[in-house]
Protein backbone atom coordinates (compact mmCIF):
# COMPACT_ATOMS: atom_id res chain seq x y z
CA UNK A 1 107.75 107.55 125.23
CA UNK A 2 104.55 109.49 125.70
CA UNK A 3 103.31 112.11 123.26
CA UNK A 4 102.39 115.51 124.61
CA UNK A 5 100.02 118.17 123.32
CA UNK A 6 102.08 119.36 120.33
CA UNK A 7 99.88 122.31 119.40
CA UNK A 8 99.38 123.36 123.00
CA UNK A 9 103.11 123.53 123.61
CA UNK A 10 103.77 125.33 120.29
CA UNK A 11 101.11 127.91 121.24
CA UNK A 12 102.87 128.38 124.57
CA UNK A 13 106.23 128.96 122.83
CA UNK A 14 105.10 131.23 119.95
CA UNK A 15 101.52 132.37 120.76
CA UNK A 16 101.37 135.44 118.46
CA UNK A 17 103.13 134.03 115.43
CA UNK A 18 100.81 133.27 112.46
CA UNK A 19 100.28 129.55 112.05
CA UNK A 20 97.73 129.38 109.23
CA UNK A 21 96.12 131.58 106.64
CA UNK A 22 93.22 130.51 104.48
CA UNK A 23 93.83 132.10 101.09
CA UNK A 24 90.18 131.83 100.04
CA UNK A 25 88.56 133.36 103.09
CA UNK A 26 91.44 135.42 104.42
CA UNK A 27 91.01 133.82 107.84
CA UNK A 28 94.22 133.78 109.86
CA UNK A 29 95.10 131.83 113.00
CA UNK A 30 97.92 132.70 115.35
CA UNK A 31 99.29 129.69 117.21
CA UNK A 32 97.33 130.78 120.27
CA UNK A 33 94.23 131.22 118.09
CA UNK A 34 94.69 127.85 116.41
CA UNK A 35 95.10 126.16 119.78
CA UNK A 36 91.92 127.83 121.06
CA UNK A 37 90.01 126.83 117.92
CA UNK A 38 91.20 123.24 118.28
CA UNK A 39 90.16 123.24 121.95
CA UNK A 40 86.71 124.59 120.95
CA UNK A 41 86.40 121.79 118.39
CA UNK A 42 87.27 119.25 121.09
CA UNK A 43 84.71 120.73 123.47
CA UNK A 44 81.96 120.87 120.83
CA UNK A 45 82.61 117.32 119.74
CA UNK A 46 82.28 115.98 123.26
CA UNK A 47 79.63 118.30 124.67
CA UNK A 48 77.42 119.13 121.65
CA UNK A 49 77.84 116.16 119.37
CA UNK A 50 78.27 113.64 122.20
CA UNK A 51 81.31 111.96 120.64
CA UNK A 52 83.54 109.74 122.71
CA UNK A 53 87.28 108.98 122.48
CA UNK A 54 87.94 106.65 119.58
CA UNK A 55 84.93 107.80 117.56
CA UNK A 56 85.58 108.66 113.91
CA UNK A 57 84.65 112.01 112.46
CA UNK A 58 84.89 112.39 108.68
CA UNK A 59 85.61 115.56 106.73
CA UNK A 60 84.41 116.12 103.17
CA UNK A 61 85.61 119.39 101.69
CA UNK A 62 88.31 121.30 99.96
CA UNK A 63 91.43 122.50 101.73
CA UNK A 64 90.82 125.14 104.38
CA UNK A 65 92.71 126.34 107.43
CA UNK A 66 89.87 125.02 109.60
CA UNK A 67 90.89 121.46 108.69
CA UNK A 68 94.01 121.75 110.83
CA UNK A 69 91.93 123.03 113.75
CA UNK A 70 89.86 119.87 113.40
CA UNK A 71 92.97 117.72 113.17
CA UNK A 72 94.47 119.06 116.39
CA UNK A 73 91.05 119.23 118.01
CA UNK A 74 90.70 115.49 117.42
CA UNK A 75 94.10 115.00 119.04
CA UNK A 76 92.89 116.87 122.15
CA UNK A 77 89.62 114.93 122.37
CA UNK A 78 91.03 111.51 121.44
CA UNK A 79 88.89 111.37 118.31
CA UNK A 80 89.94 109.95 114.93
CA UNK A 81 89.70 112.29 111.94
CA UNK A 82 89.01 110.79 108.52
CA UNK A 83 89.45 113.22 105.60
CA UNK A 84 87.56 111.96 102.54
CA UNK A 85 88.78 112.17 98.96
CA UNK A 86 86.21 114.52 97.42
CA UNK A 87 87.22 113.32 93.93
CA UNK A 88 85.59 109.96 94.58
CA UNK A 89 82.17 109.05 93.27
CA UNK A 90 79.37 109.08 95.79
CA UNK A 91 79.22 105.30 95.85
CA UNK A 92 82.93 105.16 96.65
CA UNK A 93 82.52 107.65 99.49
CA UNK A 94 79.65 105.63 100.94
CA UNK A 95 81.90 102.55 100.98
CA UNK A 96 84.50 104.47 103.01
CA UNK A 97 81.86 105.53 105.51
CA UNK A 98 80.74 101.91 105.79
CA UNK A 99 84.32 100.94 106.59
CA UNK A 100 85.17 103.57 109.20
CA UNK A 101 81.65 103.83 110.71
CA UNK A 102 81.83 107.53 111.62
CA UNK A 103 79.86 109.20 114.35
CA UNK A 104 79.81 112.59 112.59
CA UNK A 105 80.37 114.18 109.22
CA UNK A 106 81.81 117.66 108.77
CA UNK A 107 81.50 119.04 105.27
CA UNK A 108 82.29 122.18 103.40
CA UNK A 109 79.41 124.05 101.80
CA UNK A 110 80.74 123.03 98.38
CA UNK A 111 79.70 119.42 99.09
CA UNK A 112 76.32 119.97 100.72
CA UNK A 113 74.33 117.82 98.24
CA UNK A 114 76.74 114.89 98.51
CA UNK A 115 76.88 115.20 102.31
CA UNK A 116 73.09 115.11 102.54
CA UNK A 117 73.06 111.87 100.56
CA UNK A 118 75.82 110.33 102.67
CA UNK A 119 74.35 111.34 106.01
CA UNK A 120 71.81 108.54 106.39
CA UNK A 121 70.82 106.47 109.41
CA UNK A 122 73.00 103.74 107.99
CA UNK A 123 76.09 105.88 108.35
CA UNK A 124 74.99 107.45 111.65
CA UNK A 125 76.35 110.82 110.50
CA UNK A 126 75.45 114.20 111.89
CA UNK A 127 75.46 116.91 109.27
CA UNK A 128 77.72 119.59 110.65
CA UNK A 129 78.39 122.07 107.86
CA UNK A 130 81.02 124.74 107.46
CA UNK A 131 79.48 127.85 105.94
CA UNK A 132 76.25 126.08 104.98
CA UNK A 133 72.99 127.83 105.92
CA UNK A 134 70.89 124.73 105.22
CA UNK A 135 68.33 124.19 107.95
CA UNK A 136 68.87 120.45 108.09
CA UNK A 137 72.54 120.83 109.09
CA UNK A 138 74.00 121.78 112.42
CA UNK A 139 75.73 125.13 112.46
CA UNK A 140 79.41 124.21 112.90
CA UNK A 141 80.62 127.69 113.79
CA UNK A 142 77.72 128.23 116.20
CA UNK A 143 78.43 124.98 118.02
CA UNK A 144 82.09 125.95 118.43
CA UNK A 145 81.27 129.44 119.65
CA UNK A 146 78.82 128.17 122.25
CA UNK A 147 81.32 126.05 124.17
CA UNK A 148 84.05 127.00 126.63
CA UNK A 149 87.43 125.71 125.46
CA UNK A 150 89.83 124.00 127.84
CA UNK A 151 93.18 125.65 127.07
CA UNK A 152 95.21 123.60 129.51
CA UNK A 153 97.83 121.25 128.09
CA UNK A 154 96.31 117.86 127.39
CA UNK A 155 97.58 114.86 129.32
CA UNK A 156 100.23 112.77 127.51
CA UNK A 157 98.96 109.83 125.53
CA UNK A 158 100.26 106.79 123.68
CA UNK A 159 102.26 108.02 120.68
CA UNK A 160 101.03 105.02 118.69
CA UNK A 161 97.34 105.78 119.27
CA UNK A 162 95.34 106.30 116.10
CA UNK A 163 95.05 110.03 115.34
CA UNK A 164 93.63 110.01 111.85
CA UNK A 165 92.98 107.67 108.93
CA UNK A 166 93.95 108.14 105.29
CA UNK A 167 92.29 105.87 102.79
CA UNK A 168 94.18 104.33 99.92
CA UNK A 169 92.76 102.10 97.23
CA UNK A 170 93.25 98.39 97.63
CA UNK A 171 94.53 96.00 95.00
CA UNK A 172 91.38 93.94 95.41
CA UNK A 173 89.13 97.01 95.07
CA UNK A 174 88.53 97.50 98.81
CA UNK A 175 90.04 100.68 100.19
CA UNK A 176 92.28 100.50 103.24
CA UNK A 177 92.33 103.05 106.05
CA UNK A 178 96.00 103.64 106.84
CA UNK A 179 96.40 104.44 110.54
CA UNK A 180 98.32 107.67 111.23
CA UNK A 181 99.80 108.28 114.68
CA UNK A 182 101.50 110.98 116.72
CA UNK A 183 104.80 109.14 116.43
CA UNK A 184 104.51 109.07 112.64
CA UNK A 185 103.97 112.84 112.48
CA UNK A 186 106.95 113.52 114.70
CA UNK A 187 109.16 111.15 112.71
CA UNK A 188 108.11 112.83 109.47
CA UNK A 189 109.01 116.22 110.97
CA UNK A 190 112.51 114.95 111.74
CA UNK A 191 112.86 113.27 108.36
CA UNK A 192 111.78 116.15 106.18
CA UNK A 193 112.11 119.17 108.46
CA UNK A 194 115.81 118.61 109.11
CA UNK A 195 116.46 117.63 105.48
CA UNK A 196 115.22 120.95 104.11
CA UNK A 197 115.97 123.02 107.19
CA UNK A 198 112.49 124.16 108.14
CA UNK A 199 112.39 127.05 110.63
CA UNK A 200 109.83 129.34 112.18
CA UNK A 201 110.66 131.93 109.50
CA UNK A 202 109.46 129.68 106.65
CA UNK A 203 106.19 130.16 104.79
CA UNK A 204 104.63 127.23 102.93
CA UNK A 205 102.08 127.37 100.13
CA UNK A 206 100.00 124.19 100.50
CA UNK A 207 98.12 123.31 97.30
CA UNK A 208 97.86 119.53 97.76
CA UNK A 209 94.60 118.03 99.08
CA UNK A 210 94.38 117.30 102.77
CA UNK A 211 92.89 113.86 102.15
CA UNK A 212 96.45 112.91 101.11
CA UNK A 213 99.43 112.48 103.40
CA UNK A 214 101.26 115.09 101.28
CA UNK A 215 98.56 117.69 101.91
CA UNK A 216 98.91 117.20 105.66
CA UNK A 217 102.58 116.36 106.08
CA UNK A 218 104.51 117.87 103.14
CA UNK A 219 105.16 120.16 104.70
CA UNK A 220 102.23 121.56 106.68
CA UNK A 221 102.41 119.48 109.85
CA UNK A 222 106.19 119.69 109.94
CA UNK A 223 106.16 123.48 109.54
CA UNK A 224 103.51 123.86 112.24
CA UNK A 225 105.81 121.96 114.60
CA UNK A 226 108.66 124.30 113.59
CA UNK A 227 106.52 127.37 114.22
CA UNK A 228 106.25 128.61 110.63
CA UNK A 229 103.27 129.77 108.59
CA UNK A 230 101.12 127.63 106.27
CA UNK A 231 99.16 129.32 103.49
CA UNK A 232 96.26 127.01 102.66
CA UNK A 233 94.85 127.07 99.10
CA UNK A 234 91.39 125.59 98.46
CA UNK A 235 92.69 123.82 95.35
CA UNK A 236 95.69 124.20 93.08
CA UNK A 237 95.26 127.18 90.76
CA UNK A 238 98.52 127.78 88.79
CA UNK A 239 98.12 131.52 88.34
CA UNK A 240 97.30 132.12 91.99
CA UNK A 241 100.11 129.77 93.04
CA UNK A 242 102.65 131.74 91.04
CA UNK A 243 101.57 134.98 92.70
CA UNK A 244 101.79 133.50 96.20
CA UNK A 245 105.12 131.84 95.52
CA UNK A 246 106.48 135.14 94.23
CA UNK A 247 105.21 137.28 97.07
CA UNK A 248 105.18 135.18 100.21
CA UNK A 249 106.30 131.53 100.15
CA UNK A 250 109.77 130.29 101.04
CA UNK A 251 109.18 126.49 100.66
CA UNK A 252 106.97 124.47 98.31
CA UNK A 253 106.02 120.87 97.62
CA UNK A 254 104.09 119.57 94.62
CA UNK A 255 103.52 116.58 92.38
CA UNK A 256 104.82 116.45 88.79
CA UNK A 257 101.50 117.64 87.35
CA UNK A 258 101.72 120.76 89.51
CA UNK A 259 105.22 121.56 88.29
CA UNK A 260 104.17 121.02 84.69
CA UNK A 261 101.24 123.37 85.14
CA UNK A 262 103.49 126.05 86.66
CA UNK A 263 105.82 125.87 83.66
CA UNK A 264 102.89 126.37 81.32
CA UNK A 265 101.90 129.69 82.89
CA UNK A 266 102.81 132.76 80.77
CA UNK A 267 104.25 134.55 83.78
CA UNK A 268 106.60 131.76 84.88
CA UNK A 269 110.22 132.79 85.49
CA UNK A 270 113.01 131.94 87.88
CA UNK A 271 113.52 135.58 88.82
CA UNK A 272 109.90 135.84 89.86
CA UNK A 273 110.23 132.83 92.16
CA UNK A 274 113.55 133.67 93.76
CA UNK A 275 111.94 133.99 97.21
CA UNK A 276 111.33 130.21 97.39
CA UNK A 277 114.44 128.54 98.82
CA UNK A 278 113.32 124.90 98.72
CA UNK A 279 111.32 122.97 96.15
CA UNK A 280 110.14 119.38 96.68
CA UNK A 281 108.36 116.84 94.48
CA UNK A 282 106.78 113.48 95.10
CA UNK A 283 103.95 111.19 93.97
CA UNK A 284 105.85 110.21 90.81
CA UNK A 285 109.21 110.88 89.19
CA UNK A 286 109.73 114.36 87.77
CA UNK A 287 110.60 113.95 84.08
CA UNK A 288 114.02 115.01 82.85
CA UNK A 289 112.64 117.71 80.48
CA UNK A 290 110.64 119.32 83.31
CA UNK A 291 113.56 119.09 85.76
CA UNK A 292 115.89 120.65 83.19
CA UNK A 293 113.53 123.53 82.48
CA UNK A 294 113.37 124.36 86.17
CA UNK A 295 117.16 124.19 86.46
CA UNK A 296 117.39 126.57 83.51
CA UNK A 297 115.41 129.00 85.66
CA UNK A 298 117.72 128.48 88.63
CA UNK A 299 115.32 126.14 90.45
CA UNK A 300 116.43 122.69 91.66
CA UNK A 301 113.40 120.55 92.42
CA UNK A 302 114.26 117.79 94.89
CA UNK A 303 112.45 114.55 94.29
CA UNK A 304 111.53 112.38 97.26
CA UNK A 305 109.58 109.24 97.89
CA UNK A 306 107.33 107.96 100.61
CA UNK A 307 104.00 106.27 101.14
CA UNK A 308 100.87 106.92 103.11
CA UNK A 309 102.07 103.99 105.17
CA UNK A 310 105.38 105.73 105.97
CA UNK A 311 104.08 109.03 107.16
CA UNK A 312 105.28 109.74 104.34
CA UNK A 313 108.94 110.79 104.07
CA UNK A 314 111.47 108.05 103.42
CA UNK A 315 113.77 109.37 100.68
CA UNK A 316 114.91 112.77 99.43
CA UNK A 317 117.30 113.70 96.65
CA UNK A 318 120.10 116.13 97.40
CA UNK A 319 119.98 119.47 95.53
CA UNK A 320 123.29 118.77 93.81
CA UNK A 321 121.96 115.49 92.40
CA UNK A 322 118.78 116.86 90.79
CA UNK A 323 120.10 116.42 87.24
CA UNK A 324 122.99 114.03 87.79
CA UNK A 325 120.65 111.43 89.30
CA UNK A 326 117.44 112.19 87.50
CA UNK A 327 114.83 109.54 88.30
CA UNK A 328 116.41 108.79 91.67
CA UNK A 329 114.51 109.47 94.88
CA UNK A 330 117.69 110.06 96.82
CA UNK A 331 118.87 108.61 100.11
CA UNK A 332 116.87 107.34 103.11
CA UNK A 333 116.34 110.11 105.62
CA UNK A 334 117.30 110.25 109.31
CA UNK A 335 114.64 107.95 110.85
CA UNK A 336 114.04 105.62 107.89
CA UNK A 337 115.69 102.23 107.47
CA UNK A 338 115.50 100.56 104.07
CA UNK A 339 116.48 97.25 102.44
CA UNK A 340 116.19 95.83 98.95
CA UNK A 341 115.48 92.12 98.94
CA UNK A 342 114.81 89.25 96.57
CA UNK A 343 111.81 86.92 96.61
CA UNK A 344 113.29 85.05 99.61
CA UNK A 345 113.79 88.35 101.51
CA UNK A 346 117.56 88.20 101.17
CA UNK A 347 119.41 91.48 100.62
CA UNK A 348 120.46 91.96 97.03
CA UNK A 349 123.89 93.31 95.97
CA UNK A 350 124.31 97.02 95.26
CA UNK A 351 122.85 97.92 91.87
CA UNK A 352 120.53 94.93 91.64
CA UNK A 353 116.76 95.33 91.71
CA UNK A 354 114.48 93.90 94.36
CA UNK A 355 111.54 94.78 96.58
CA UNK A 356 111.96 97.80 98.80
CA UNK A 357 111.39 97.22 102.52
CA UNK A 358 111.02 100.06 105.03
CA UNK A 359 111.25 100.27 108.80
CA UNK A 360 111.24 103.07 111.36
CA UNK A 361 109.10 105.22 113.64
CA UNK A 362 107.38 106.79 110.63
CA UNK A 363 105.80 103.50 109.53
CA UNK A 364 102.10 102.90 110.21
CA UNK A 365 101.08 100.22 112.73
CA UNK A 366 98.64 98.95 110.12
CA UNK A 367 95.25 99.26 108.42
CA UNK A 368 91.98 100.12 110.11
CA UNK A 369 90.18 96.90 111.13
CA UNK A 370 92.01 94.86 108.48
CA UNK A 371 94.33 92.53 110.42
CA UNK A 372 94.96 90.24 107.43
CA UNK A 373 95.97 93.16 105.20
CA UNK A 374 98.19 94.47 108.00
CA UNK A 375 99.89 91.10 108.43
CA UNK A 376 100.43 90.79 104.68
CA UNK A 377 102.05 94.24 104.57
CA UNK A 378 104.89 93.33 106.95
CA UNK A 379 107.64 90.74 107.01
CA UNK A 380 107.97 88.44 109.99
CA UNK A 381 110.63 90.72 111.49
CA UNK A 382 108.62 93.93 111.09
CA UNK A 383 109.68 95.45 107.76
CA UNK A 384 106.98 97.13 105.68
CA UNK A 385 106.67 95.68 102.20
CA UNK A 386 106.47 98.68 99.92
CA UNK A 387 105.37 96.73 96.85
CA UNK A 388 107.92 98.76 94.86
CA UNK A 389 110.89 97.36 92.99
CA UNK A 390 113.96 99.47 93.60
CA UNK A 391 117.73 99.52 93.21
CA UNK A 392 120.44 101.33 95.10
CA UNK A 393 123.59 102.68 93.47
CA UNK A 394 127.10 102.87 94.86
CA UNK A 395 126.40 106.37 96.25
CA UNK A 396 123.49 105.12 98.35
CA UNK A 397 120.84 106.72 96.14
CA UNK A 398 117.70 104.74 95.42
CA UNK A 399 115.66 104.51 92.24
CA UNK A 400 112.17 103.07 91.98
CA UNK A 401 112.26 100.99 88.80
CA UNK A 402 108.91 99.24 88.81
CA UNK A 403 105.96 98.27 90.97
CA UNK A 404 105.45 94.80 92.23
CA UNK A 405 101.75 95.36 91.98
CA UNK A 406 99.96 96.90 89.05
CA UNK A 407 99.21 100.22 90.70
CA UNK A 408 100.10 103.34 88.79
CA UNK A 409 100.16 107.02 89.81
CA UNK A 410 98.27 109.61 87.78
CA UNK A 411 98.78 113.23 88.78
CA UNK A 412 99.86 112.14 92.26
CA UNK A 413 96.81 109.89 92.73
CA UNK A 414 97.19 106.14 93.23
CA UNK A 415 95.13 104.12 90.74
CA UNK A 416 94.61 100.38 91.03
CA UNK A 417 93.63 98.71 87.74
CA UNK A 418 91.61 96.01 89.48
CA UNK A 419 89.18 98.65 90.72
CA UNK A 420 88.73 100.11 87.24
CA UNK A 421 88.41 96.67 85.68
CA UNK A 422 85.59 95.78 88.04
CA UNK A 423 83.60 98.69 86.71
CA UNK A 424 84.32 98.07 83.03
CA UNK A 425 83.42 94.40 83.39
CA UNK A 426 79.79 95.47 83.65
CA UNK A 427 79.78 97.12 80.25
CA UNK A 428 77.60 94.98 77.96
CA UNK A 429 79.81 95.41 74.88
CA UNK A 430 82.99 94.10 76.46
CA UNK A 431 83.99 90.45 76.30
CA UNK A 432 87.24 90.85 78.24
CA UNK A 433 89.51 93.66 79.28
CA UNK A 434 92.56 94.74 81.21
CA UNK A 435 93.80 98.09 82.47
CA UNK A 436 97.40 99.21 82.79
CA UNK A 437 99.22 102.46 83.41
CA UNK A 438 100.99 104.12 80.50
CA UNK A 439 103.33 107.10 80.44
CA UNK A 440 101.82 110.54 79.99
CA UNK A 441 103.70 113.83 79.58
CA UNK A 442 101.33 115.80 81.78
CA UNK A 443 100.09 113.40 84.45
CA UNK A 444 103.08 111.06 84.70
CA UNK A 445 100.87 108.08 83.99
CA UNK A 446 97.28 107.57 82.88
CA UNK A 447 95.12 104.50 82.57
CA UNK A 448 94.84 102.56 79.36
CA UNK A 449 92.12 99.98 78.84
CA UNK A 450 92.76 97.05 76.51
CA UNK A 451 89.41 95.77 75.25
CA UNK A 452 87.92 92.84 73.38
CA UNK A 453 84.46 93.34 71.84
CA UNK A 454 81.66 90.88 72.44
CA UNK A 455 80.47 89.11 69.29
CA UNK A 456 77.77 91.06 67.49
CA UNK A 457 78.06 93.99 69.90
CA UNK A 458 78.36 97.55 68.62
CA UNK A 459 81.74 99.06 69.49
CA UNK A 460 81.29 101.93 71.96
CA UNK A 461 83.25 105.14 71.46
CA UNK A 462 86.00 106.28 73.84
CA UNK A 463 83.66 108.98 75.16
CA UNK A 464 80.93 106.42 75.84
CA UNK A 465 83.33 104.26 77.80
CA UNK A 466 84.62 107.22 79.83
CA UNK A 467 81.05 108.28 80.63
CA UNK A 468 80.28 104.72 81.73
CA UNK A 469 83.28 104.72 84.10
CA UNK A 470 82.60 108.18 85.56
CA UNK A 471 79.29 106.94 87.01
CA UNK A 472 81.24 104.79 89.50
CA UNK A 473 84.79 106.13 89.51
CA UNK A 474 86.65 109.33 90.29
CA UNK A 475 87.75 111.15 87.14
CA UNK A 476 91.45 110.40 87.62
CA UNK A 477 90.70 106.66 87.67
CA UNK A 478 88.89 106.76 84.33
CA UNK A 479 91.13 105.43 81.53
CA UNK A 480 92.41 108.12 79.23
CA UNK A 481 93.14 105.74 76.37
CA UNK A 482 91.49 102.69 74.85
CA UNK A 483 92.74 100.07 72.45
CA UNK A 484 90.75 97.27 70.87
CA UNK A 485 92.34 93.85 70.41
CA UNK A 486 91.14 90.55 68.96
CA UNK A 487 92.22 88.82 72.18
CA UNK A 488 94.18 89.60 75.30
CA UNK A 489 97.53 87.85 75.82
CA UNK A 490 97.42 85.10 78.39
CA UNK A 491 99.93 82.76 79.98
CA UNK A 492 99.84 79.00 80.13
CA UNK A 493 97.27 78.98 82.95
CA UNK A 494 95.01 81.49 81.25
CA UNK A 495 96.00 84.61 83.26
CA UNK A 496 96.18 87.87 81.34
CA UNK A 497 99.83 88.91 81.01
CA UNK A 498 99.90 92.64 81.54
CA UNK A 499 103.60 92.86 80.87
CA UNK A 500 102.89 91.79 77.28
CA UNK A 501 100.31 94.57 77.06
CA UNK A 502 102.80 97.15 78.34
CA UNK A 503 105.39 95.96 75.84
CA UNK A 504 102.75 96.12 73.11
């Protein structure tokens, strides 16, 4: 199977239909216009910036319609796009650049100071700014306007070729670049697009960041394949989101924190949002009180589950099961195979818990230049180890009951305690510490640090500890709660037992 020029063919089929609208700038792209813009990006990258197939080009900026022109432009030129998590601290961003070794950096004007600091000879980055008049940056729009785009359909290429990278935190503190391919995007379209019935008449409000798989693929990439319209919001603003959902959108996807924020708006009502026919949620389980409140307004929010490594869609809950199976992520979708196994990788009986394994065309081929991590992520016969503990009921619906690793999800963001602990270990007042995730009504989970004071040291305040962490960590990774103990619980071999802390 070879993969063809998806955007080029969509532009041929529906050239005048609106593909994208940037809600901040008002910029709109028809499918023909988006295809031309992507072709201009490909031409500028190869002719002006002298990039070659396989080179990485990173993007640091908020959501904008232009991002998708870059994404499809990279597909045309054989480049690899790497969207960066702008919530990360500058040191964290520099580590990602070290890992992917980009040939160019595109940044929004909102991140000009950070981009200037990142664009050093060590990173070999060109500073190509969107909307930035700074004299030390290339003029992105000018470079694209000065080239002649090739609007012919690109030659087919390997569907498993790397298209873009999405970085996730690693359990050892080192981030991993999850390879995303053409096959994965097409599989996700079939998994989620068929499940919610996406058509060319649908309009999506996209409020999730494009450095996440959800911001790209739930449901933007799927709807662009279907020929619909994506309304791109710079960031999630609840009041603006309500207005757009009321007036224009027909489908929506968010994380639990987004749904909680919508409920808290004074103007929230089911009647106001009647235009939206499909509501989806992922990143963490939607709590029963929030789900019930939406149902009271006539809105059934369908919870699903996936991973960056799965493109992402694996599961989706049926509308009828929203309340009856609260906490469930539903059934595996069309192109996703799943198993639940014990420690010896034997299938467990229905209803018993075990590790969730996933296989299918939506699964990543691995991690960027990390063969050992890739090998560890798969079983000998090719099943992806999710790291999640799950169970399946008699109806075939799955529930994620725990995580094999200590990762927790705060507001849709993955947080690995080991990364936070490495920062806190440098605080001079701390003798020992551990970080776990704890339940939070707003964010789903937040970090909690369990601390032991060094002898004779002055006990720092919670605010002091948060400030210490923020110097090296993104805000969502900073623990929200702190508790002081005389000693941390340990097992017979001296390892801290986090389960005892959670029970405490």
